[in-house]
Protein backbone atom coordinates (compact mmCIF):
# COMPACT_ATOMS: atom_id res chain seq x y z
CA UNK A 1 -0.03 -0.01 0.02
CA UNK A 2 1.43 3.40 -0.97
CA UNK A 3 -0.53 5.68 1.53
CA UNK A 4 -2.75 4.94 4.54
CA UNK A 5 -4.67 7.65 6.10
CA UNK A 6 -6.30 7.65 9.55
CA UNK A 7 -8.77 10.03 11.14
CA UNK A 8 -12.19 11.74 10.55
CA UNK A 9 -14.55 10.82 7.72
CA UNK A 10 -17.64 12.84 8.01
CA UNK A 11 -20.43 14.81 6.24
CA UNK A 12 -19.60 18.36 5.42
CA UNK A 13 -22.83 20.53 4.85
CA UNK A 14 -21.70 23.30 2.39
CA UNK A 15 -23.78 26.35 2.13
CA UNK A 16 -25.61 27.21 -1.13
CA UNK A 17 -24.83 30.79 -0.53
CA UNK A 18 -21.33 32.33 -0.13
CA UNK A 19 -21.11 35.53 2.19
CA UNK A 20 -23.69 34.74 4.59
CA UNK A 21 -23.39 33.83 8.19
CA UNK A 22 -24.30 30.10 9.08
CA UNK A 23 -27.63 31.04 10.53
CA UNK A 24 -28.48 33.03 7.45
CA UNK A 25 -27.76 30.33 5.02
CA UNK A 26 -31.03 29.17 3.53
CA UNK A 27 -29.97 25.52 2.62
CA UNK A 28 -26.94 23.05 2.68
CA UNK A 29 -25.69 20.42 0.43
CA UNK A 30 -24.22 17.27 1.96
CA UNK A 31 -20.64 16.56 0.63
CA UNK A 32 -18.39 13.63 1.93
CA UNK A 33 -15.55 15.20 4.05
CA UNK A 34 -12.95 14.76 6.59
CA UNK A 35 -9.29 15.95 5.87
CA UNK A 36 -7.46 12.55 6.12
CA UNK A 37 -10.35 11.00 3.95
CA UNK A 38 -9.85 13.66 1.37
CA UNK A 39 -6.13 12.86 1.21
CA UNK A 40 -6.74 9.24 0.76
CA UNK A 41 -9.02 9.85 -2.39
CA UNK A 42 -6.72 12.65 -3.67
CA UNK A 43 -3.71 10.36 -3.84
CA UNK A 44 -5.93 7.75 -5.20
CA UNK A 45 -6.83 10.08 -8.03
CA UNK A 46 -3.22 10.71 -8.43
CA UNK A 47 -2.41 7.20 -9.18
CA UNK A 48 -1.28 5.84 -5.70
CA UNK A 49 -2.87 2.93 -3.86
CA UNK A 50 -4.55 4.30 -0.67
CA UNK A 51 -6.32 2.99 2.32
CA UNK A 52 -8.44 4.83 4.96
CA UNK A 53 -8.60 3.86 8.50
CA UNK A 54 -11.35 5.40 10.66
CA UNK A 55 -14.84 5.22 12.20
CA UNK A 56 -18.37 6.07 11.04
CA UNK A 57 -21.78 5.42 12.57
CA UNK A 58 -23.64 2.48 11.50
CA UNK A 59 -26.15 4.79 9.82
CA UNK A 60 -27.25 5.96 6.51
CA UNK A 61 -24.50 8.79 6.34
CA UNK A 62 -21.87 6.35 7.43
CA UNK A 63 -22.53 3.69 4.78
CA UNK A 64 -22.95 6.42 2.23
CA UNK A 65 -19.47 7.62 3.06
CA UNK A 66 -18.05 4.13 2.79
CA UNK A 67 -19.63 3.57 -0.64
CA UNK A 68 -17.96 6.94 -1.93
CA UNK A 69 -14.52 6.17 -0.69
CA UNK A 70 -14.73 2.71 -2.21
CA UNK A 71 -16.09 4.30 -5.57
CA UNK A 72 -13.21 6.76 -5.56
CA UNK A 73 -10.63 3.88 -5.35
CA UNK A 74 -9.85 3.95 -1.72
CA UNK A 75 -9.51 0.63 0.19
CA UNK A 76 -12.24 0.85 2.90
CA UNK A 77 -11.67 -2.60 4.58
CA UNK A 78 -10.03 -0.69 7.57
CA UNK A 79 -13.12 1.39 8.20
CA UNK A 80 -15.25 0.49 11.24
CA UNK A 81 -18.92 1.14 11.94
CA UNK A 82 -20.11 2.10 15.43
CA UNK A 83 -23.40 0.71 16.32
CA UNK A 84 -24.09 3.44 18.98
CA UNK A 85 -22.35 6.77 18.00
CA UNK A 86 -23.51 8.47 14.89
CA UNK A 87 -21.39 9.63 12.04
CA UNK A 88 -19.84 13.19 12.57
CA UNK A 89 -21.44 16.19 10.81
CA UNK A 90 -20.00 19.43 9.98
CA UNK A 91 -21.91 22.71 9.00
CA UNK A 92 -19.93 25.23 7.01
CA UNK A 93 -20.30 28.80 6.18
CA UNK A 94 -18.30 30.86 3.64
CA UNK A 95 -17.64 34.41 4.19
CA UNK A 96 -15.86 34.43 0.89
CA UNK A 97 -14.51 31.84 -1.57
CA UNK A 98 -10.89 31.66 0.18
CA UNK A 99 -12.32 31.14 3.94
CA UNK A 100 -14.81 29.29 6.03
CA UNK A 101 -16.07 28.36 9.40
CA UNK A 102 -16.98 25.13 10.78
CA UNK A 103 -19.70 23.94 13.29
CA UNK A 104 -19.09 20.27 14.18
CA UNK A 105 -21.79 18.00 15.48
CA UNK A 106 -19.39 15.70 17.46
CA UNK A 107 -20.29 15.08 21.03
CA UNK A 108 -19.02 12.53 20.65
CA UNK A 109 -18.68 11.82 16.99
CA UNK A 110 -18.10 8.10 15.67
CA UNK A 111 -14.77 9.18 14.47
CA UNK A 112 -13.40 9.77 17.95
CA UNK A 113 -14.41 6.45 18.88
CA UNK A 114 -11.73 4.31 16.94
CA UNK A 115 -10.01 2.16 19.42
CA UNK A 116 -6.39 0.70 18.96
CA UNK A 117 -7.64 -2.74 18.89
CA UNK A 118 -9.60 -1.98 15.67
CA UNK A 119 -6.53 -1.01 13.79
CA UNK A 120 -5.46 -3.02 10.72
CA UNK A 121 -1.87 -3.70 11.81
CA UNK A 122 -0.71 -5.35 8.60
CA UNK A 123 -1.82 -2.61 6.21
CA UNK A 124 -0.29 0.00 8.51
CA UNK A 125 3.07 -2.05 8.69
CA UNK A 126 3.26 -2.33 4.81
CA UNK A 127 2.42 1.18 4.05
CA UNK A 128 5.00 3.47 2.28
CA UNK A 129 3.55 6.42 3.79
CA UNK A 130 1.19 7.10 6.93
CA UNK A 131 -0.94 10.36 7.24
CA UNK A 132 -2.99 11.77 10.06
CA UNK A 133 -4.36 14.90 11.28
CA UNK A 134 -4.98 16.73 14.46
CA UNK A 135 -8.67 16.07 14.77
CA UNK A 136 -8.00 12.40 15.79
CA UNK A 137 -6.00 13.55 18.80
CA UNK A 138 -8.85 15.69 20.46
CA UNK A 139 -10.50 12.72 22.35
CA UNK A 140 -9.90 9.26 23.56
CA UNK A 141 -9.89 6.58 22.33
CA UNK A 142 -8.99 7.91 18.84
CA UNK A 143 -5.98 9.66 20.17
CA UNK A 144 -4.54 6.37 21.61
CA UNK A 145 -5.52 4.60 18.28
CA UNK A 146 -3.56 7.21 16.37
CA UNK A 147 -0.46 6.93 18.40
CA UNK A 148 -0.51 3.11 18.05
CA UNK A 149 -0.84 3.49 14.38
CA UNK A 150 2.14 5.79 14.22
CA UNK A 151 4.12 3.25 16.11
CA UNK A 152 3.05 0.43 13.73
CA UNK A 153 3.68 2.35 10.64
CA UNK A 154 7.10 3.58 11.80
CA UNK A 155 8.21 -0.05 12.76
CA UNK A 156 7.49 -0.84 9.15
CA UNK A 157 9.72 2.12 7.86
CA UNK A 158 6.91 4.32 6.67
CA UNK A 159 7.13 8.17 6.13
CA UNK A 160 4.93 9.85 8.85
CA UNK A 161 3.03 12.73 7.68
CA UNK A 162 0.99 15.08 10.07
CA UNK A 163 -1.43 17.77 9.01
CA UNK A 164 -2.13 20.09 12.13
CA UNK A 165 -5.60 21.06 10.70
CA UNK A 166 -6.38 23.25 13.79
CA UNK A 167 -10.10 23.50 14.48
CA UNK A 168 -10.57 25.91 17.58
CA UNK A 169 -13.99 24.85 18.55
CA UNK A 170 -12.88 21.24 19.03
CA UNK A 171 -10.37 22.13 21.91
CA UNK A 172 -10.78 23.29 25.31
CA UNK A 173 -8.05 26.00 24.50
CA UNK A 174 -5.52 26.97 22.12
CA UNK A 175 -2.80 26.01 24.41
CA UNK A 176 -4.08 22.36 24.68
CA UNK A 177 -4.06 22.25 20.79
CA UNK A 178 -0.57 23.59 20.62
CA UNK A 179 0.66 21.15 23.18
CA UNK A 180 -0.93 18.13 21.62
CA UNK A 181 0.46 19.22 18.15
CA UNK A 182 3.79 19.83 19.22
CA UNK A 183 3.96 16.38 21.19
CA UNK A 184 2.95 14.67 18.10
CA UNK A 185 5.17 16.65 15.70
CA UNK A 186 8.19 15.26 17.49
CA UNK A 187 7.18 11.81 16.02
CA UNK A 188 6.63 12.57 12.51
CA UNK A 189 8.82 13.19 9.26
CA UNK A 190 6.48 15.60 7.42
CA UNK A 191 4.48 18.36 9.20
CA UNK A 192 2.02 20.45 7.24
CA UNK A 193 0.63 23.81 8.71
CA UNK A 194 -1.06 26.92 7.47
CA UNK A 195 -0.36 30.56 8.59
CA UNK A 196 -2.76 30.37 11.70
CA UNK A 197 -1.11 27.12 12.78
CA UNK A 198 2.29 28.37 12.18
CA UNK A 199 1.53 31.16 14.75
CA UNK A 200 -0.24 28.80 17.15
CA UNK A 201 2.72 26.43 17.34
CA UNK A 202 5.73 29.02 17.23
CA UNK A 203 4.12 32.33 18.48
CA UNK A 204 5.34 34.06 15.33
CA UNK A 205 3.80 35.20 11.96
CA UNK A 206 7.35 35.12 10.33
CA UNK A 207 7.71 32.20 7.74
CA UNK A 208 11.32 31.56 8.95
CA UNK A 209 9.90 30.46 12.24
CA UNK A 210 9.08 27.14 10.69
CA UNK A 211 12.78 26.20 11.48
CA UNK A 212 11.60 26.07 15.07
CA UNK A 213 9.24 23.24 13.92
CA UNK A 214 11.82 21.33 12.15
CA UNK A 215 14.19 21.43 15.09
CA UNK A 216 11.35 19.64 16.94
CA UNK A 217 11.85 16.58 14.78
CA UNK A 218 10.11 16.67 11.30
CA UNK A 219 12.56 16.53 8.29
CA UNK A 220 10.22 18.76 6.43
CA UNK A 221 7.66 21.51 7.24
CA UNK A 222 5.23 22.83 4.70
CA UNK A 223 3.40 26.12 5.46
CA UNK A 224 0.57 26.65 3.07
CA UNK A 225 -0.30 30.08 2.16
CA UNK A 226 -3.38 30.03 0.08
CA UNK A 227 -3.20 32.22 -2.90
CA UNK A 228 0.58 33.13 -2.04
CA UNK A 229 1.67 29.37 -2.38
CA UNK A 230 3.75 27.34 -0.02
CA UNK A 231 6.95 27.68 2.21
CA UNK A 232 8.92 24.94 2.81
CA UNK A 233 11.59 24.39 5.39
CA UNK A 234 14.04 21.71 5.98
CA UNK A 235 17.24 21.44 8.09
CA UNK A 236 18.89 22.68 5.03
CA UNK A 237 17.08 25.52 3.49
CA UNK A 238 13.72 27.36 3.43
CA UNK A 239 12.04 28.70 0.35
CA UNK A 240 8.62 30.28 -0.88
CA UNK A 241 7.11 28.65 -3.80
CA UNK A 242 4.47 30.88 -5.35
CA UNK A 243 0.91 29.60 -6.05
CA UNK A 244 -0.81 29.24 -9.44
CA UNK A 245 -3.23 31.86 -9.84
CA UNK A 246 -6.79 30.69 -10.39
CA UNK A 247 -10.35 32.11 -10.02
CA UNK A 248 -11.06 30.49 -6.74
CA UNK A 249 -14.58 28.93 -6.25
CA UNK A 250 -13.99 27.22 -3.18
CA UNK A 251 -10.64 26.99 -1.14
CA UNK A 252 -12.04 24.16 1.15
CA UNK A 253 -9.81 21.07 0.88
CA UNK A 254 -6.98 22.79 -1.02
CA UNK A 255 -4.63 21.92 1.84
CA UNK A 256 -5.57 18.36 1.72
CA UNK A 257 -5.15 18.15 -2.12
CA UNK A 258 -1.82 19.99 -1.60
CA UNK A 259 -0.47 17.33 0.90
CA UNK A 260 -1.79 14.78 -1.30
CA UNK A 261 0.44 16.01 -4.21
CA UNK A 262 3.49 15.96 -2.17
CA UNK A 263 3.02 12.43 -0.84
CA UNK A 264 2.27 11.07 -4.15
CA UNK A 265 5.67 12.14 -5.43
CA UNK A 266 7.73 11.11 -2.22
CA UNK A 267 6.35 7.65 -2.03
CA UNK A 268 7.79 7.05 -5.50
CA UNK A 269 11.30 7.36 -4.26
CA UNK A 270 13.31 4.58 -2.76
CA UNK A 271 14.88 7.25 -0.38
CA UNK A 272 12.61 10.07 0.05
CA UNK A 273 14.88 12.02 2.46
CA UNK A 274 17.56 12.64 -0.35
CA UNK A 275 14.96 14.99 -2.19
CA UNK A 276 15.41 17.19 0.90
CA UNK A 277 18.61 18.74 -0.26
CA UNK A 278 17.81 18.64 -3.88
CA UNK A 279 16.16 20.96 -6.39
CA UNK A 280 13.53 18.16 -6.95
CA UNK A 281 12.00 19.36 -3.56
CA UNK A 282 10.88 22.55 -5.16
CA UNK A 283 9.52 20.69 -8.22
CA UNK A 284 7.42 18.50 -5.87
CA UNK A 285 5.98 21.63 -3.98
CA UNK A 286 5.07 23.29 -7.33
CA UNK A 287 3.25 19.85 -8.35
CA UNK A 288 1.26 20.09 -4.99
CA UNK A 289 0.46 23.63 -5.56
CA UNK A 290 -0.96 22.92 -8.91
CA UNK A 291 -3.16 20.07 -7.26
CA UNK A 292 -4.35 22.48 -4.81
CA UNK A 293 -5.13 25.13 -7.37
CA UNK A 294 -7.22 22.92 -9.40
CA UNK A 295 -9.24 21.81 -6.38
CA UNK A 296 -10.09 25.45 -5.79
CA UNK A 297 -11.96 25.63 -8.97
CA UNK A 298 -14.96 23.50 -7.88
CA UNK A 299 -17.13 23.69 -4.70
CA UNK A 300 -16.77 20.63 -2.47
CA UNK A 301 -13.63 18.73 -2.00
CA UNK A 302 -13.83 15.20 -3.53
CA UNK A 303 -15.71 16.36 -6.83
CA UNK A 304 -13.01 18.87 -7.19
CA UNK A 305 -9.92 16.58 -6.76
CA UNK A 306 -7.92 16.32 -10.03
CA UNK A 307 -6.39 13.08 -11.65
CA UNK A 308 -2.84 12.92 -12.62
CA UNK A 309 -3.57 13.86 -16.21
CA UNK A 310 -5.50 16.93 -15.33
CA UNK A 311 -2.61 18.06 -13.12
CA UNK A 312 0.01 17.34 -16.03
CA UNK A 313 -2.23 19.41 -18.47
CA UNK A 314 -2.50 22.19 -15.87
CA UNK A 315 1.26 22.30 -15.42
CA UNK A 316 1.88 22.28 -19.26
CA UNK A 317 -0.51 25.14 -19.77
CA UNK A 318 1.11 26.94 -16.90
CA UNK A 319 4.77 26.67 -18.07
């Protein structure tokens, strides 16, 4: 298996009107969501073999989500169904095309109920890369399950990837989220943050502060900057790679598409760490920027995720 993703699989309810507060939106459209699930689909679209580990409710939404992942080419044999707790829901409002706010119905949600004994140890130990996000660390038992999955994947030689994906309303305080993120950042190879998360973890708005995160343990830190592109930091160098300019319809999930673009390239290498001090890293980041840019052209994440041919055509036209 190329890439195994663990975490939340949920239903995002997208507003049919942009520029309105959540309570002023007249109607919503249900769309499959959850950052790690989006990554699993995105890498499958890009030609990698992917699997998803997580938990949904044994309800209509849960079975709908599983069916969609399977249709999109993701291995779902590791997905568990909770007979008691329902599938997590997330209602979204969009002040504009480049931003959004979330209201989670998760108290608890099935995604937080994944137990360590429910993990598929074989698929984790055989993965080339393992990816997870901060949302699976908010509650037990999913936090313990995530830690156990990291240990299994690392023992098999996987590249460990972590997207901070901070959602303030799911934490008791920013300090709790920061401590948890930094604790797990020490156990990973690749760390992805956005501008808000960079400030949360380092206390600074300066892109150069990403070196602090690399010093915690990751070999590579990626700071996504939306329309400005991405800043990458390694022990060797830091560099800003500009974004491709597109007419954004919906920026939701562009970060998930971006990380999928990077992972889809790194897992093709026998020694992915060698790229960290070569010009190929910038090439990979540009590719990931393209995957994110194409995703911004359509509302909803999974329907917007491009395949490898679409990315190649986009890059050729942008050259």
